[in-house]
C-alpha atoms as a PDB file:
ATOM      1  CA  MET A   1       4.800 -13.116   7.207  1.00  0.00           C
ATOM      2  CA  ILE A   2       1.616 -12.211   9.026  1.00  0.00           C
ATOM      3  CA  VAL A   3       1.772  -8.534  10.040  1.00  0.00           C
ATOM      4  CA  ASP A   4       1.524  -7.967  13.849  1.00  0.00           C
ATOM      5  CA  PHE A   5      -0.155  -4.865  14.706  1.00  0.00           C
ATOM      6  CA  VAL A   6       0.243  -5.348  18.395  1.00  0.00           C
ATOM      7  CA  THR A   7       3.985  -5.664  18.298  1.00  0.00           C
ATOM      8  CA  VAL A   8       5.011  -3.743  15.555  1.00  0.00           C
ATOM      9  CA  SER A   9       8.027  -5.014  13.754  1.00  0.00           C
ATOM     10  CA  THR A  10      10.357  -3.451  11.228  1.00  0.00           C
ATOM     11  CA  ALA A  11      11.111  -7.048   9.793  1.00  0.00           C
ATOM     12  CA  GLY A  12      11.420  -6.611   5.930  1.00  0.00           C
ATOM     13  CA  LEU A  13      11.733  -3.071   6.032  1.00  0.00           C
ATOM     14  CA  GLU A  14      15.000  -2.542   7.716  1.00  0.00           C
ATOM     15  CA  SER A  15      16.457  -0.881   4.514  1.00  0.00           C
ATOM     16  CA  SER A  16      13.801   2.104   4.816  1.00  0.00           C
ATOM     17  CA  PRO A  17      15.217   5.478   5.934  1.00  0.00           C
ATOM     18  CA  VAL A  18      11.774   5.700   7.585  1.00  0.00           C
ATOM     19  CA  ALA A  19      11.473   1.855   8.611  1.00  0.00           C
ATOM     20  CA  ASP A  20       9.652   2.501  12.126  1.00  0.00           C
ATOM     21  CA  ALA A  21       7.141   4.790  10.407  1.00  0.00           C
ATOM     22  CA  LEU A  22       6.727   2.300   7.556  1.00  0.00           C
ATOM     23  CA  ALA A  23       6.220  -0.643   9.843  1.00  0.00           C
ATOM     24  CA  GLY A  24       3.538   1.447  11.623  1.00  0.00           C
ATOM     25  CA  LEU A  25       1.861   2.259   8.401  1.00  0.00           C
ATOM     26  CA  ARG A  26       1.882  -1.722   7.404  1.00  0.00           C
ATOM     27  CA  ALA A  27       0.566  -2.540  11.018  1.00  0.00           C
ATOM     28  CA  ASN A  28      -2.276   0.107  10.528  1.00  0.00           C
ATOM     29  CA  GLU A  29      -3.258  -1.602   7.261  1.00  0.00           C
ATOM     30  CA  ALA A  30      -3.141  -5.061   9.034  1.00  0.00           C
ATOM     31  CA  ARG A  31      -5.274  -3.704  12.016  1.00  0.00           C
ATOM     32  CA  TYR A  32      -7.817  -2.438   9.541  1.00  0.00           C
ATOM     33  CA  TYR A  33      -8.406  -5.654   7.619  1.00  0.00           C
ATOM     34  CA  LYS A  34      -8.607  -7.746  10.971  1.00  0.00           C
ATOM     35  CA  ASN A  35     -10.971  -5.359  12.338  1.00  0.00           C
ATOM     36  CA  LYS A  36     -13.074  -5.195   9.331  1.00  0.00           C
ATOM     37  CA  TYR A  37     -13.025  -8.346   7.645  1.00  0.00           C
ATOM     38  CA  ASP A  38     -11.322 -10.872  10.311  1.00  0.00           C
ATOM     39  CA  HIS A  39      -8.536 -11.002   7.514  1.00  0.00           C
ATOM     40  CA  GLU A  40      -4.855 -11.807   8.334  1.00  0.00           C
ATOM     41  CA  PHE A  41      -2.490  -9.297   6.803  1.00  0.00           C
ATOM     42  CA  THR A  42       0.369 -11.194   5.110  1.00  0.00           C
ATOM     43  CA  VAL A  43       3.348  -9.771   3.201  1.00  0.00           C
ATOM     44  CA  VAL A  44       6.175 -11.319   1.147  1.00  0.00           C
ATOM     45  CA  PRO A  45       9.370  -9.748  -0.158  1.00  0.00           C
ATOM     46  CA  ALA A  46       8.325  -8.336  -3.381  1.00  0.00           C
ATOM     47  CA  ALA A  47      10.951 -10.465  -5.162  1.00  0.00           C
ATOM     48  CA  GLU A  48       8.952 -13.466  -4.134  1.00  0.00           C
ATOM     49  CA  ASP A  49       5.695 -12.329  -5.959  1.00  0.00           C
ATOM     50  CA  PRO A  50       6.918 -10.542  -9.189  1.00  0.00           C
ATOM     51  CA  ALA A  51       3.164 -10.973 -10.347  1.00  0.00           C
ATOM     52  CA  THR A  52       1.599  -8.808  -7.635  1.00  0.00           C
ATOM     53  CA  LEU A  53       4.235  -6.158  -8.344  1.00  0.00           C
ATOM     54  CA  GLU A  54       3.908  -6.282 -11.999  1.00  0.00           C
ATOM     55  CA  TYR A  55      -0.076  -5.805 -11.517  1.00  0.00           C
ATOM     56  CA  ILE A  56       0.221  -2.969  -9.529  1.00  0.00           C
ATOM     57  CA  GLU A  57       2.862  -1.477 -11.741  1.00  0.00           C
ATOM     58  CA  ARG A  58       0.833  -1.900 -14.610  1.00  0.00           C
ATOM     59  CA  VAL A  59      -2.259  -0.427 -13.267  1.00  0.00           C
ATOM     60  CA  LEU A  60      -0.172   2.589 -12.405  1.00  0.00           C
ATOM     61  CA  ALA A  61       1.455   2.974 -15.692  1.00  0.00           C
ATOM     62  CA  THR A  62      -1.788   2.377 -17.722  1.00  0.00           C
ATOM     63  CA  GLU A  63      -4.135   4.575 -15.658  1.00  0.00           C
ATOM     64  CA  ARG A  64      -1.543   7.535 -15.054  1.00  0.00           C
ATOM     65  CA  ASP A  65       1.587   6.836 -16.666  1.00  0.00           C
ATOM     66  CA  LEU A  66       3.109   6.422 -13.141  1.00  0.00           C
ATOM     67  CA  HIS A  67       6.437   4.688 -12.471  1.00  0.00           C
ATOM     68  CA  ILE A  68       7.623   4.662  -9.028  1.00  0.00           C
ATOM     69  CA  SER A  69      11.555   5.010  -8.600  1.00  0.00           C
ATOM     70  CA  SER A  70      11.830   3.614  -5.127  1.00  0.00           C
ATOM     71  CA  THR A  71      12.742   0.030  -4.495  1.00  0.00           C
ATOM     72  CA  PRO A  72       9.600  -2.124  -3.657  1.00  0.00           C
ATOM     73  CA  LEU A  73      10.231  -4.107  -0.464  1.00  0.00           C
ATOM     74  CA  GLU A  74       7.167  -6.248   0.375  1.00  0.00           C
ATOM     75  CA  VAL A  75       3.826  -7.028  -1.619  1.00  0.00           C
ATOM     76  CA  THR A  76       0.709  -8.727  -0.833  1.00  0.00           C
ATOM     77  CA  GLN A  77      -2.618  -9.691  -2.692  1.00  0.00           C
ATOM     78  CA  PHE A  78      -5.792 -10.879  -1.255  1.00  0.00           C
ATOM     79  CA  VAL A  79      -9.745 -10.834  -1.764  1.00  0.00           C
ATOM     80  CA  VAL A  80     -12.089  -9.732   0.978  1.00  0.00           C
ATOM     81  CA  ASP A  81     -15.746  -8.886   0.461  1.00  0.00           C
ATOM     82  CA  GLY A  82     -15.683  -8.922  -3.327  1.00  0.00           C
ATOM     83  CA  LEU A  83     -12.628  -6.617  -3.517  1.00  0.00           C
ATOM     84  CA  LYS A  84      -9.326  -7.741  -4.958  1.00  0.00           C
ATOM     85  CA  MET A  85      -6.541  -5.841  -2.834  1.00  0.00           C
ATOM     86  CA  SER A  86      -2.985  -5.416  -3.833  1.00  0.00           C
ATOM     87  CA  TYR A  87      -0.453  -3.737  -1.883  1.00  0.00           C
ATOM     88  CA  VAL A  88       3.200  -2.748  -2.387  1.00  0.00           C
ATOM     89  CA  PHE A  89       5.313  -1.306   0.413  1.00  0.00           C
ATOM     90  CA  TYR A  90       8.406   0.959  -0.866  1.00  0.00           C
ATOM     91  CA  GLU A  91      11.809   1.451   0.649  1.00  0.00           C
ATOM     92  CA  SER A  92      10.971   5.350   0.620  1.00  0.00           C
ATOM     93  CA  GLY A  93       8.179   4.765   3.112  1.00  0.00           C
ATOM     94  CA  LEU A  94       5.548   4.933   0.309  1.00  0.00           C
ATOM     95  CA  SER A  95       2.659   2.402   0.536  1.00  0.00           C
ATOM     96  CA  ILE A  96       0.486   1.803  -2.640  1.00  0.00           C
ATOM     97  CA  ASN A  97      -2.846  -0.144  -2.857  1.00  0.00           C
ATOM     98  CA  VAL A  98      -4.915  -1.312  -5.634  1.00  0.00           C
ATOM     99  CA  MET A  99      -8.609  -1.932  -4.804  1.00  0.00           C
ATOM    100  CA  TYR A 100     -10.478  -3.531  -7.540  1.00  0.00           C
ATOM    101  CA  ALA A 101     -14.001  -4.806  -7.306  1.00  0.00           C
ATOM    102  CA  LEU A 102     -14.459  -8.089  -8.946  1.00  0.00           C
ATOM    103  CA  GLU A 103     -17.932  -7.371  -9.989  1.00  0.00           C
ATOM    104  CA  ASP A 104     -18.533  -4.650 -12.854  1.00  0.00           C
ATOM    105  CA  GLY A 105     -19.571  -1.249 -11.605  1.00  0.00           C
ATOM    106  CA  GLY A 106     -17.980  -1.710  -7.986  1.00  0.00           C
ATOM    107  CA  LYS A 107     -15.281   0.499  -6.444  1.00  0.00           C
ATOM    108  CA  ARG A 108     -12.121   0.665  -8.034  1.00  0.00           C
ATOM    109  CA  ALA A 109      -9.291   2.778  -7.055  1.00  0.00           C
ATOM    110  CA  VAL A 110      -5.416   3.129  -6.374  1.00  0.00           C
ATOM    111  CA  GLY A 111      -4.614   4.477  -2.915  1.00  0.00           C
ATOM    112  CA  PHE A 112      -1.288   6.281  -1.889  1.00  0.00           C
ATOM    113  CA  LYS A 113       0.139   6.423   1.839  1.00  0.00           C
ATOM    114  CA  LEU A 114       3.093   8.090   2.844  1.00  0.00           C
ATOM    115  CA  SER A 115       4.978   7.014   5.956  1.00  0.00           C
ATOM    116  CA  ASP A 116       5.430   9.848   8.843  1.00  0.00           C
ATOM    117  CA  GLY A 117       8.544  11.794   8.027  1.00  0.00           C
ATOM    118  CA  MET A 118       8.622  10.769   4.204  1.00  0.00           C
ATOM    119  CA  GLU A 119       8.600  13.499   1.640  1.00  0.00           C
ATOM    120  CA  VAL A 120       6.126  13.515  -1.372  1.00  0.00           C
ATOM    121  CA  PRO A 121       7.925  11.606  -4.336  1.00  0.00           C
ATOM    122  CA  GLU A 122       8.242  13.429  -7.289  1.00  0.00           C
ATOM    123  CA  GLU A 123       6.075  10.961  -9.184  1.00  0.00           C
ATOM    124  CA  LEU A 124       3.235  12.020  -6.995  1.00  0.00           C
ATOM    125  CA  SER A 125       3.852  15.735  -6.817  1.00  0.00           C
ATOM    126  CA  SER A 126       0.362  16.195  -8.900  1.00  0.00           C
ATOM    127  CA  PHE A 127      -1.769  14.478  -6.143  1.00  0.00           C
ATOM    128  CA  LYS A 128      -2.992  16.505  -3.043  1.00  0.00           C
ATOM    129  CA  PHE A 129      -2.652  14.606   0.092  1.00  0.00           C
ATOM    130  CA  ALA A 130      -4.839  14.681   3.325  1.00  0.00           C
ATOM    131  CA  ARG A 131      -3.554  13.927   6.515  1.00  0.00           C
ATOM    132  CA  GLN A 132      -4.889  11.194   9.066  1.00  0.00           C
ATOM    133  CA  LYS A 133      -3.649  10.428  12.504  1.00  0.00           C
ATOM    134  CA  SER A 134      -2.826   6.806  13.417  1.00  0.00           C
ATOM    135  CA  LYS A 135      -1.808   5.432  16.946  1.00  0.00           C
ATOM    136  CA  LEU A 136       0.413   2.929  14.959  1.00  0.00           C
ATOM    137  CA  ALA A 137       1.644   5.314  12.401  1.00  0.00           C
ATOM    138  CA  GLY A 138       1.724   8.611  13.460  1.00  0.00           C
ATOM    139  CA  THR A 139       0.454  11.073  10.636  1.00  0.00           C
ATOM    140  CA  ILE A 140      -0.337   9.328   7.501  1.00  0.00           C
ATOM    141  CA  ARG A 141      -0.726  11.591   4.371  1.00  0.00           C
ATOM    142  CA  GLY A 142      -3.149   9.885   1.880  1.00  0.00           C
ATOM    143  CA  SER A 143      -4.495  10.483  -1.738  1.00  0.00           C
ATOM    144  CA  TYR A 144      -6.068   8.398  -4.401  1.00  0.00           C
ATOM    145  CA  PHE A 145      -7.395   8.201  -7.905  1.00  0.00           C
ATOM    146  CA  VAL A 146     -10.180   6.064  -9.477  1.00  0.00           C
ATOM    147  CA  ILE A 147      -9.523   3.455 -11.827  1.00  0.00           C
ATOM    148  CA  LYS A 148     -11.285   3.714 -15.233  1.00  0.00           C
ATOM    149  CA  GLY A 149      -9.924   0.923 -17.271  1.00  0.00           C
ATOM    150  CA  THR A 150     -10.158  -3.051 -16.892  1.00  0.00           C
ATOM    151  CA  HIS A 151      -7.399  -4.817 -15.336  1.00  0.00           C
END
């Protein structure tokens, strides 16, 4: 499904207690990639792309021994401007992205974004979250860490 950032939809996210905010967060990501890279941000149910979910979970586990307890709803993976981008959107309202430069020495990091109204999950309590305003998503809280290994 192509994520529409003009008409924000909760399709695929209905089971989330913060579905509207999560849909706004997802739309915010779609707008960013469309404006910066002219890339159509598409998502599929997590069950339809287990390889992307497994990749993200492996990076989290290997780099920081992180295991997210929330149910994954949707994932996407694509390459733009030499960066392999992998996303998962969780039922709790959490979004995780893995940015992995294909060339050695490039940027490699894991980003976390929390939907408006979502509490910081226990697994991420050691991270400091900065706030940013979004017309589509309200207040987004975000954090990240740099990837040190090879994935």
